[in-house]
């Protein structure tokens, strides 16, 4: 029962971050799965992507219904995003867990510093 509560809380926090910030679910889901659920690093990253997909669809529908999406910008950035997503998924397969964890930590710290300043 305790584990199911963790699942629900992780899902709620991930969904809230994704819906509120337009992204960021992975920054919550990955560490939560690794630290709270003892999931292996690679599986946590891959699982986070699978979790975020339906959350993003729901958020996107709500953003579209409120006319918040710049479609011109979306189309341009989506091309690079698709290519980057493919490359990132391929790199995940070859990147050792300890290196992956450090890269992810540096990315999170850099994003936090950028947002504060």
N, C-alpha and C. Protein backbone atom coordinates (compact mmCIF):
# COMPACT_ATOMS: atom_id res chain seq x y z
N UNK A 1 0.82 -1.20 0.00
CA UNK A 1 0.00 0.00 0.00
C UNK A 1 0.86 1.26 0.00
N UNK A 2 1.94 1.24 0.80
CA UNK A 2 2.83 2.39 0.90
C UNK A 2 3.47 2.71 -0.45
N UNK A 3 3.82 1.66 -1.20
CA UNK A 3 4.45 1.84 -2.50
C UNK A 3 3.46 2.49 -3.48
N UNK A 4 2.17 2.11 -3.40
CA UNK A 4 1.18 2.69 -4.30
C UNK A 4 0.96 4.17 -4.00
N UNK A 5 1.07 4.54 -2.76
CA UNK A 5 0.97 5.96 -2.40
C UNK A 5 2.14 6.72 -3.02
N UNK A 6 3.33 6.13 -2.99
CA UNK A 6 4.49 6.75 -3.63
C UNK A 6 4.24 6.93 -5.13
N UNK A 7 3.69 5.90 -5.78
CA UNK A 7 3.40 5.99 -7.21
C UNK A 7 2.48 7.17 -7.49
N UNK A 8 1.42 7.26 -6.72
CA UNK A 8 0.42 8.32 -6.92
C UNK A 8 1.02 9.69 -6.67
N UNK A 9 1.79 9.84 -5.60
CA UNK A 9 2.40 11.14 -5.29
C UNK A 9 3.42 11.55 -6.36
N UNK A 10 4.21 10.59 -6.82
CA UNK A 10 5.16 10.89 -7.89
C UNK A 10 4.40 11.31 -9.15
N UNK A 11 3.34 10.60 -9.47
CA UNK A 11 2.53 10.95 -10.64
C UNK A 11 1.89 12.32 -10.51
N UNK A 12 1.37 12.63 -9.33
CA UNK A 12 0.76 13.95 -9.12
C UNK A 12 1.78 15.07 -9.26
N UNK A 13 2.94 14.91 -8.65
CA UNK A 13 3.98 15.93 -8.73
C UNK A 13 4.48 16.09 -10.17
N UNK A 14 4.65 14.97 -10.87
CA UNK A 14 5.11 15.00 -12.26
C UNK A 14 4.07 15.68 -13.14
N UNK A 15 2.82 15.31 -12.99
CA UNK A 15 1.75 15.91 -13.78
C UNK A 15 1.59 17.39 -13.50
N UNK A 16 1.69 17.77 -12.24
CA UNK A 16 1.57 19.18 -11.87
C UNK A 16 2.70 20.00 -12.51
N UNK A 17 3.93 19.51 -12.41
CA UNK A 17 5.07 20.23 -13.01
C UNK A 17 4.91 20.32 -14.52
N UNK A 18 4.50 19.24 -15.14
CA UNK A 18 4.34 19.22 -16.59
C UNK A 18 3.24 20.18 -17.03
N UNK A 19 2.13 20.15 -16.34
CA UNK A 19 1.01 21.02 -16.71
C UNK A 19 1.27 22.48 -16.40
N UNK A 20 1.90 22.76 -15.28
CA UNK A 20 2.14 24.14 -14.86
C UNK A 20 3.27 24.80 -15.63
N UNK A 21 4.35 24.07 -15.83
CA UNK A 21 5.54 24.66 -16.45
C UNK A 21 5.68 24.31 -17.93
N UNK A 22 4.85 23.43 -18.45
CA UNK A 22 4.96 23.03 -19.84
C UNK A 22 6.03 21.97 -20.05
N UNK A 23 6.75 21.66 -19.03
CA UNK A 23 7.75 20.60 -19.03
C UNK A 23 8.22 20.44 -17.60
N UNK A 24 9.24 19.71 -17.41
CA UNK A 24 9.77 19.57 -16.05
C UNK A 24 9.35 18.32 -15.34
N UNK A 25 8.43 17.57 -15.95
CA UNK A 25 8.00 16.33 -15.32
C UNK A 25 9.13 15.35 -15.11
N UNK A 26 10.03 15.29 -16.07
CA UNK A 26 11.18 14.38 -15.97
C UNK A 26 12.12 14.74 -14.84
N UNK A 27 12.22 16.03 -14.55
CA UNK A 27 13.10 16.44 -13.46
C UNK A 27 12.57 16.01 -12.11
N UNK A 28 11.31 15.69 -12.06
CA UNK A 28 10.71 15.16 -10.83
C UNK A 28 10.64 13.64 -10.90
N UNK A 29 10.17 13.13 -12.02
CA UNK A 29 9.94 11.68 -12.15
C UNK A 29 11.23 10.87 -12.04
N UNK A 30 12.29 11.31 -12.71
CA UNK A 30 13.54 10.52 -12.71
C UNK A 30 14.13 10.41 -11.31
N UNK A 31 14.41 11.54 -10.63
CA UNK A 31 14.97 11.38 -9.27
C UNK A 31 14.02 10.64 -8.32
N UNK A 32 12.73 10.86 -8.47
CA UNK A 32 11.78 10.18 -7.59
C UNK A 32 11.81 8.67 -7.80
N UNK A 33 11.88 8.24 -9.06
CA UNK A 33 11.93 6.80 -9.32
C UNK A 33 13.24 6.19 -8.83
N UNK A 34 14.34 6.92 -9.00
CA UNK A 34 15.65 6.41 -8.57
C UNK A 34 15.73 6.39 -7.04
N UNK A 35 15.38 7.51 -6.40
CA UNK A 35 15.57 7.64 -4.96
C UNK A 35 14.47 7.00 -4.12
N UNK A 36 13.21 7.12 -4.57
CA UNK A 36 12.10 6.62 -3.77
C UNK A 36 11.66 5.20 -4.13
N UNK A 37 11.86 4.84 -5.40
CA UNK A 37 11.42 3.52 -5.86
C UNK A 37 12.58 2.59 -6.17
N UNK A 38 13.80 3.08 -5.99
CA UNK A 38 15.01 2.30 -6.24
C UNK A 38 15.07 1.72 -7.66
N UNK A 39 14.60 2.50 -8.61
CA UNK A 39 14.64 2.06 -10.01
C UNK A 39 16.02 2.35 -10.59
N UNK A 40 16.45 1.52 -11.51
CA UNK A 40 17.74 1.69 -12.18
C UNK A 40 17.67 2.96 -13.04
N UNK A 41 18.78 3.66 -13.10
CA UNK A 41 18.87 4.98 -13.75
C UNK A 41 18.34 4.98 -15.19
N UNK A 42 18.79 4.05 -16.03
CA UNK A 42 18.36 4.01 -17.42
C UNK A 42 16.85 3.78 -17.53
N UNK A 43 16.35 2.86 -16.72
CA UNK A 43 14.91 2.58 -16.76
C UNK A 43 14.10 3.77 -16.26
N UNK A 44 14.63 4.50 -15.28
CA UNK A 44 13.93 5.68 -14.77
C UNK A 44 13.81 6.74 -15.86
N UNK A 45 14.88 6.98 -16.61
CA UNK A 45 14.84 7.97 -17.68
C UNK A 45 13.86 7.55 -18.78
N UNK A 46 13.96 6.31 -19.19
CA UNK A 46 13.07 5.81 -20.25
C UNK A 46 11.62 5.80 -19.79
N UNK A 47 11.39 5.39 -18.55
CA UNK A 47 10.03 5.36 -18.02
C UNK A 47 9.46 6.76 -17.90
N UNK A 48 10.29 7.73 -17.52
CA UNK A 48 9.82 9.11 -17.40
C UNK A 48 9.27 9.61 -18.74
N UNK A 49 9.94 9.27 -19.82
CA UNK A 49 9.45 9.67 -21.15
C UNK A 49 8.07 9.07 -21.40
N UNK A 50 7.89 7.81 -21.06
CA UNK A 50 6.60 7.15 -21.26
C UNK A 50 5.52 7.75 -20.38
N UNK A 51 5.89 8.17 -19.19
CA UNK A 51 4.92 8.80 -18.28
C UNK A 51 4.53 10.18 -18.79
N UNK A 52 5.51 10.91 -19.29
CA UNK A 52 5.29 12.29 -19.68
C UNK A 52 4.45 12.42 -20.95
N UNK A 53 4.51 11.42 -21.83
CA UNK A 53 3.74 11.50 -23.08
C UNK A 53 2.26 11.76 -22.84
N UNK A 54 1.55 10.92 -22.07
CA UNK A 54 0.12 11.21 -21.88
C UNK A 54 -0.12 12.51 -21.10
N UNK A 55 0.78 12.85 -20.19
CA UNK A 55 0.63 14.11 -19.45
C UNK A 55 0.73 15.29 -20.41
N UNK A 56 1.66 15.19 -21.35
CA UNK A 56 1.87 16.25 -22.32
C UNK A 56 0.67 16.39 -23.26
N UNK A 57 0.08 15.27 -23.63
CA UNK A 57 -1.11 15.32 -24.49
C UNK A 57 -2.24 16.06 -23.78
N UNK A 58 -2.48 15.74 -22.53
CA UNK A 58 -3.53 16.41 -21.76
C UNK A 58 -3.23 17.90 -21.63
N UNK A 59 -1.99 18.23 -21.27
CA UNK A 59 -1.60 19.64 -21.14
C UNK A 59 -1.73 20.37 -22.47
N UNK A 60 -1.29 19.74 -23.55
CA UNK A 60 -1.35 20.37 -24.87
C UNK A 60 -2.80 20.66 -25.28
N UNK A 61 -3.70 19.76 -24.99
CA UNK A 61 -5.11 19.98 -25.31
C UNK A 61 -5.64 21.21 -24.55
N UNK A 62 -5.28 21.31 -23.28
CA UNK A 62 -5.73 22.47 -22.50
C UNK A 62 -5.07 23.75 -23.00
N UNK A 63 -3.79 23.70 -23.33
CA UNK A 63 -3.11 24.88 -23.88
C UNK A 63 -3.74 25.30 -25.21
N UNK A 64 -4.06 24.31 -26.07
CA UNK A 64 -4.70 24.62 -27.36
C UNK A 64 -6.06 25.25 -27.16
N UNK A 65 -6.83 24.71 -26.22
CA UNK A 65 -8.18 25.24 -25.99
C UNK A 65 -8.15 26.67 -25.48
N UNK A 66 -7.03 27.10 -24.88
CA UNK A 66 -6.89 28.47 -24.40
C UNK A 66 -6.06 29.34 -25.36
N UNK A 67 -5.75 28.78 -26.54
CA UNK A 67 -5.02 29.49 -27.58
C UNK A 67 -3.66 30.01 -27.10
N UNK A 68 -2.93 29.19 -26.34
CA UNK A 68 -1.63 29.57 -25.81
C UNK A 68 -0.47 29.11 -26.70
N UNK A 69 -0.74 28.36 -27.75
CA UNK A 69 0.34 27.76 -28.54
C UNK A 69 0.67 28.64 -29.75
N UNK A 70 1.95 28.90 -29.93
CA UNK A 70 2.45 29.59 -31.12
C UNK A 70 2.81 28.49 -32.11
N UNK A 71 1.94 28.23 -33.08
CA UNK A 71 2.12 27.10 -33.99
C UNK A 71 3.33 27.27 -34.90
N UNK A 72 3.65 28.50 -35.28
CA UNK A 72 4.82 28.74 -36.12
C UNK A 72 6.08 28.33 -35.36
N UNK A 73 6.21 28.77 -34.14
CA UNK A 73 7.35 28.40 -33.30
C UNK A 73 7.35 26.90 -33.02
N UNK A 74 6.19 26.33 -32.76
CA UNK A 74 6.07 24.91 -32.47
C UNK A 74 6.64 24.07 -33.61
N UNK A 75 6.25 24.38 -34.82
CA UNK A 75 6.70 23.60 -35.98
C UNK A 75 8.21 23.66 -36.15
N UNK A 76 8.77 24.85 -35.95
CA UNK A 76 10.21 25.00 -36.12
C UNK A 76 11.01 24.25 -35.06
N UNK A 77 10.59 24.37 -33.82
CA UNK A 77 11.32 23.74 -32.72
C UNK A 77 11.09 22.22 -32.71
N UNK A 78 9.92 21.79 -33.15
CA UNK A 78 9.59 20.36 -33.14
C UNK A 78 10.55 19.55 -34.01
N UNK A 79 10.99 20.12 -35.11
CA UNK A 79 11.92 19.40 -36.00
C UNK A 79 13.20 19.05 -35.25
N UNK A 80 13.80 20.04 -34.60
CA UNK A 80 15.00 19.79 -33.81
C UNK A 80 14.72 18.89 -32.63
N UNK A 81 13.56 19.04 -32.02
CA UNK A 81 13.19 18.20 -30.88
C UNK A 81 13.08 16.73 -31.24
N UNK A 82 12.52 16.45 -32.39
CA UNK A 82 12.40 15.05 -32.83
C UNK A 82 13.79 14.45 -33.08
N UNK A 83 14.63 15.21 -33.76
CA UNK A 83 15.99 14.73 -34.02
C UNK A 83 16.76 14.56 -32.70
N UNK A 84 16.67 15.56 -31.82
CA UNK A 84 17.34 15.47 -30.53
C UNK A 84 16.82 14.34 -29.67
N UNK A 85 15.52 14.10 -29.71
CA UNK A 85 14.95 12.99 -28.96
C UNK A 85 15.46 11.65 -29.43
N UNK A 86 15.60 11.49 -30.74
CA UNK A 86 16.14 10.26 -31.30
C UNK A 86 17.59 10.06 -30.86
N UNK A 87 18.39 11.12 -31.01
CA UNK A 87 19.81 11.03 -30.63
C UNK A 87 19.94 10.75 -29.12
N UNK A 88 19.15 11.45 -28.31
CA UNK A 88 19.20 11.24 -26.87
C UNK A 88 18.83 9.83 -26.47
N UNK A 89 17.81 9.27 -27.11
CA UNK A 89 17.41 7.89 -26.80
C UNK A 89 18.50 6.90 -27.18
N UNK A 90 19.16 7.16 -28.30
CA UNK A 90 20.27 6.29 -28.70
C UNK A 90 21.43 6.40 -27.71
N UNK A 91 21.75 7.62 -27.27
CA UNK A 91 22.83 7.83 -26.32
C UNK A 91 22.53 7.21 -24.96
N UNK A 92 21.26 7.19 -24.58
CA UNK A 92 20.88 6.58 -23.30
C UNK A 92 21.31 5.13 -23.25
N UNK A 93 21.23 4.45 -24.38
CA UNK A 93 21.60 3.03 -24.45
C UNK A 93 23.08 2.78 -24.20
N UNK A 94 23.92 3.76 -24.49
CA UNK A 94 25.36 3.53 -24.37
C UNK A 94 26.01 4.29 -23.21
N UNK A 95 25.26 5.16 -22.57
CA UNK A 95 25.81 5.99 -21.49
C UNK A 95 25.74 5.23 -20.16
N UNK A 96 26.88 5.07 -19.48
CA UNK A 96 26.87 4.40 -18.17
C UNK A 96 26.03 5.18 -17.15
N UNK A 97 25.42 4.47 -16.23
CA UNK A 97 24.52 5.08 -15.24
C UNK A 97 25.18 6.20 -14.45
N UNK A 98 26.43 5.99 -14.02
CA UNK A 98 27.08 7.02 -13.21
C UNK A 98 27.32 8.30 -14.02
N UNK A 99 27.61 8.17 -15.29
CA UNK A 99 27.79 9.34 -16.15
C UNK A 99 26.44 10.00 -16.43
N UNK A 100 25.44 9.19 -16.71
CA UNK A 100 24.09 9.68 -16.96
C UNK A 100 23.59 10.50 -15.78
N UNK A 101 23.79 10.00 -14.58
CA UNK A 101 23.36 10.69 -13.36
C UNK A 101 24.05 12.05 -13.25
N UNK A 102 25.35 12.09 -13.54
CA UNK A 102 26.10 13.35 -13.43
C UNK A 102 25.66 14.36 -14.50
N UNK A 103 25.45 13.90 -15.71
CA UNK A 103 24.98 14.79 -16.78
C UNK A 103 23.61 15.36 -16.41
N UNK A 104 22.73 14.51 -15.91
CA UNK A 104 21.39 14.95 -15.52
C UNK A 104 21.48 15.96 -14.38
N UNK A 105 22.34 15.72 -13.40
CA UNK A 105 22.50 16.63 -12.27
C UNK A 105 23.03 17.99 -12.74
N UNK A 106 24.01 17.99 -13.62
CA UNK A 106 24.56 19.25 -14.14
C UNK A 106 23.48 20.01 -14.90
N UNK A 107 22.70 19.30 -15.70
CA UNK A 107 21.61 19.94 -16.44
C UNK A 107 20.60 20.57 -15.49
N UNK A 108 20.23 19.87 -14.44
CA UNK A 108 19.25 20.39 -13.48
C UNK A 108 19.81 21.61 -12.74
N UNK A 109 21.06 21.56 -12.34
CA UNK A 109 21.69 22.68 -11.64
C UNK A 109 21.78 23.89 -12.57
N UNK A 110 22.21 23.66 -13.79
CA UNK A 110 22.32 24.77 -14.77
C UNK A 110 20.95 25.39 -15.02
N UNK A 111 19.93 24.57 -15.16
CA UNK A 111 18.58 25.10 -15.38
C UNK A 111 18.11 25.91 -14.18
N UNK A 112 18.39 25.41 -12.97
CA UNK A 112 17.99 26.13 -11.77
C UNK A 112 18.69 27.48 -11.67
N UNK A 113 19.99 27.49 -11.93
CA UNK A 113 20.75 28.74 -11.86
C UNK A 113 20.23 29.72 -12.90
N UNK A 114 19.98 29.22 -14.09
CA UNK A 114 19.46 30.09 -15.18
C UNK A 114 18.11 30.69 -14.82
N UNK A 115 17.28 29.92 -14.18
CA UNK A 115 15.95 30.41 -13.81
C UNK A 115 16.02 31.42 -12.65
N UNK A 116 16.97 31.23 -11.76
CA UNK A 116 17.11 32.15 -10.63
C UNK A 116 17.66 33.49 -11.11
N UNK A 117 18.63 33.43 -12.00
CA UNK A 117 19.26 34.67 -12.49
C UNK A 117 18.46 35.19 -13.65
